[in-house]
Amino acid sequence: MKSNFVSKKIWIEIFQAIGLTDSKMQQWHQEFERRHPDGHQEFLEWIDIPAEEITKIRSA
């Protein structure tokens, strides 16, 4: 496991804890992609999302 690893599940739990809905989480990803596409890619890889799912997230 990666050092300082925070899983996708943990991120979703944090987002839900602050009241983000699924549509707001999608909006968050879209804004991240628009402003920092390379950083978004690195983030998705860091939380260990499979390549196929990353492609779907980044194209949504």
N, C-alpha and C. Protein backbone atom coordinates (compact mmCIF):
# COMPACT_ATOMS: atom_id res chain seq x y z
N MET A 1 0.85 -1.19 0.00
CA MET A 1 0.00 0.00 0.00
C MET A 1 0.89 1.24 0.00
N LYS A 2 0.43 2.28 -0.66
CA LYS A 2 1.18 3.51 -0.79
C LYS A 2 1.27 4.25 0.54
N SER A 3 2.35 4.99 0.70
CA SER A 3 2.51 5.82 1.89
C SER A 3 1.44 6.90 1.91
N ASN A 4 0.87 7.13 3.06
CA ASN A 4 -0.17 8.15 3.23
C ASN A 4 -1.36 7.92 2.31
N PHE A 5 -1.68 6.67 2.07
CA PHE A 5 -2.76 6.31 1.14
C PHE A 5 -4.13 6.63 1.73
N VAL A 6 -4.91 7.31 0.93
CA VAL A 6 -6.32 7.58 1.26
C VAL A 6 -7.13 7.02 0.10
N SER A 7 -7.98 6.07 0.39
CA SER A 7 -8.71 5.37 -0.67
C SER A 7 -9.87 6.21 -1.23
N LYS A 8 -10.36 5.75 -2.35
CA LYS A 8 -11.56 6.36 -2.96
C LYS A 8 -12.72 6.34 -1.97
N LYS A 9 -12.86 5.23 -1.26
CA LYS A 9 -13.94 5.09 -0.28
C LYS A 9 -13.84 6.18 0.79
N ILE A 10 -12.65 6.43 1.28
CA ILE A 10 -12.46 7.47 2.30
C ILE A 10 -12.80 8.84 1.74
N TRP A 11 -12.37 9.14 0.52
CA TRP A 11 -12.71 10.43 -0.10
C TRP A 11 -14.21 10.60 -0.22
N ILE A 12 -14.90 9.55 -0.68
CA ILE A 12 -16.36 9.63 -0.82
C ILE A 12 -17.01 9.87 0.54
N GLU A 13 -16.53 9.17 1.56
CA GLU A 13 -17.08 9.36 2.91
C GLU A 13 -16.88 10.80 3.40
N ILE A 14 -15.72 11.37 3.12
CA ILE A 14 -15.45 12.76 3.51
C ILE A 14 -16.38 13.70 2.75
N PHE A 15 -16.50 13.51 1.46
CA PHE A 15 -17.39 14.36 0.66
C PHE A 15 -18.83 14.26 1.15
N GLN A 16 -19.28 13.05 1.44
CA GLN A 16 -20.65 12.87 1.93
C GLN A 16 -20.82 13.52 3.31
N ALA A 17 -19.81 13.45 4.13
CA ALA A 17 -19.87 14.03 5.48
C ALA A 17 -20.06 15.55 5.44
N ILE A 18 -19.56 16.17 4.37
CA ILE A 18 -19.74 17.62 4.26
C ILE A 18 -20.94 17.99 3.39
N GLY A 19 -21.71 16.97 3.02
CA GLY A 19 -22.96 17.22 2.34
C GLY A 19 -22.92 17.18 0.82
N LEU A 20 -21.81 16.73 0.23
CA LEU A 20 -21.76 16.65 -1.22
C LEU A 20 -22.61 15.48 -1.71
N THR A 21 -23.45 15.76 -2.68
CA THR A 21 -24.25 14.73 -3.34
C THR A 21 -23.41 14.11 -4.46
N ASP A 22 -23.92 13.05 -5.06
CA ASP A 22 -23.21 12.45 -6.20
C ASP A 22 -23.01 13.47 -7.31
N SER A 23 -24.02 14.29 -7.58
CA SER A 23 -23.88 15.28 -8.66
C SER A 23 -22.85 16.35 -8.30
N LYS A 24 -22.75 16.71 -7.02
CA LYS A 24 -21.74 17.70 -6.60
C LYS A 24 -20.34 17.09 -6.67
N MET A 25 -20.23 15.79 -6.36
CA MET A 25 -18.94 15.13 -6.49
C MET A 25 -18.51 15.08 -7.95
N GLN A 26 -19.46 14.85 -8.83
CA GLN A 26 -19.16 14.85 -10.26
C GLN A 26 -18.72 16.25 -10.68
N GLN A 27 -19.39 17.25 -10.19
CA GLN A 27 -19.03 18.64 -10.50
C GLN A 27 -17.62 18.94 -9.99
N TRP A 28 -17.28 18.44 -8.81
CA TRP A 28 -15.94 18.62 -8.25
C TRP A 28 -14.90 18.04 -9.20
N HIS A 29 -15.14 16.80 -9.69
CA HIS A 29 -14.22 16.18 -10.64
C HIS A 29 -14.11 16.99 -11.93
N GLN A 30 -15.22 17.47 -12.44
CA GLN A 30 -15.21 18.24 -13.68
C GLN A 30 -14.39 19.52 -13.52
N GLU A 31 -14.54 20.17 -12.39
CA GLU A 31 -13.80 21.41 -12.15
C GLU A 31 -12.31 21.12 -11.98
N PHE A 32 -11.98 20.05 -11.26
CA PHE A 32 -10.59 19.63 -11.10
C PHE A 32 -9.98 19.34 -12.47
N GLU A 33 -10.72 18.61 -13.30
CA GLU A 33 -10.25 18.26 -14.65
C GLU A 33 -10.04 19.51 -15.49
N ARG A 34 -10.97 20.45 -15.41
CA ARG A 34 -10.88 21.67 -16.21
C ARG A 34 -9.66 22.52 -15.79
N ARG A 35 -9.46 22.65 -14.50
CA ARG A 35 -8.39 23.53 -14.00
C ARG A 35 -7.01 22.87 -13.97
N HIS A 36 -6.97 21.59 -13.65
CA HIS A 36 -5.68 20.91 -13.46
C HIS A 36 -5.75 19.46 -13.97
N PRO A 37 -5.84 19.27 -15.28
CA PRO A 37 -6.01 17.92 -15.81
C PRO A 37 -4.90 16.94 -15.40
N ASP A 38 -3.66 17.38 -15.42
CA ASP A 38 -2.58 16.47 -15.04
C ASP A 38 -2.65 16.12 -13.55
N GLY A 39 -2.95 17.10 -12.73
CA GLY A 39 -3.10 16.86 -11.31
C GLY A 39 -4.29 15.96 -11.01
N HIS A 40 -5.35 16.12 -11.77
CA HIS A 40 -6.53 15.27 -11.60
C HIS A 40 -6.17 13.81 -11.90
N GLN A 41 -5.45 13.61 -13.00
CA GLN A 41 -5.01 12.26 -13.36
C GLN A 41 -4.17 11.66 -12.23
N GLU A 42 -3.21 12.44 -11.73
CA GLU A 42 -2.34 11.95 -10.66
C GLU A 42 -3.14 11.63 -9.39
N PHE A 43 -4.12 12.48 -9.07
CA PHE A 43 -4.95 12.25 -7.90
C PHE A 43 -5.72 10.94 -8.03
N LEU A 44 -6.34 10.73 -9.18
CA LEU A 44 -7.13 9.51 -9.39
C LEU A 44 -6.25 8.27 -9.32
N GLU A 45 -5.04 8.37 -9.84
CA GLU A 45 -4.11 7.24 -9.74
C GLU A 45 -3.68 7.04 -8.29
N TRP A 46 -3.44 8.14 -7.56
CA TRP A 46 -3.01 8.07 -6.16
C TRP A 46 -4.03 7.36 -5.28
N ILE A 47 -5.33 7.57 -5.58
CA ILE A 47 -6.35 6.89 -4.78
C ILE A 47 -6.69 5.51 -5.36
N ASP A 48 -5.82 5.07 -6.27
CA ASP A 48 -5.84 3.69 -6.77
C ASP A 48 -7.08 3.32 -7.57
N ILE A 49 -7.56 4.25 -8.35
CA ILE A 49 -8.69 3.96 -9.23
C ILE A 49 -8.16 3.29 -10.50
N PRO A 50 -8.79 2.23 -10.96
CA PRO A 50 -8.35 1.56 -12.18
C PRO A 50 -8.43 2.48 -13.41
N ALA A 51 -7.54 2.23 -14.36
CA ALA A 51 -7.42 3.07 -15.55
C ALA A 51 -8.75 3.24 -16.29
N GLU A 52 -9.51 2.17 -16.42
CA GLU A 52 -10.79 2.24 -17.14
C GLU A 52 -11.76 3.20 -16.43
N GLU A 53 -11.78 3.14 -15.11
CA GLU A 53 -12.66 4.03 -14.35
C GLU A 53 -12.17 5.48 -14.42
N ILE A 54 -10.84 5.66 -14.43
CA ILE A 54 -10.28 7.02 -14.57
C ILE A 54 -10.73 7.64 -15.87
N THR A 55 -10.69 6.86 -16.94
CA THR A 55 -11.13 7.36 -18.24
C THR A 55 -12.57 7.82 -18.19
N LYS A 56 -13.44 7.04 -17.55
CA LYS A 56 -14.86 7.42 -17.43
C LYS A 56 -15.02 8.68 -16.61
N ILE A 57 -14.31 8.77 -15.49
CA ILE A 57 -14.41 9.94 -14.61
C ILE A 57 -13.97 11.18 -15.35
N ARG A 58 -12.84 11.11 -16.04
CA ARG A 58 -12.28 12.28 -16.71
C ARG A 58 -13.10 12.73 -17.91
N SER A 59 -13.87 11.83 -18.50
CA SER A 59 -14.67 12.19 -19.66
C SER A 59 -16.09 12.60 -19.32
N ALA A 60 -16.47 12.46 -18.06
CA ALA A 60 -17.84 12.78 -17.64
C ALA A 60 -18.09 14.28 -17.58
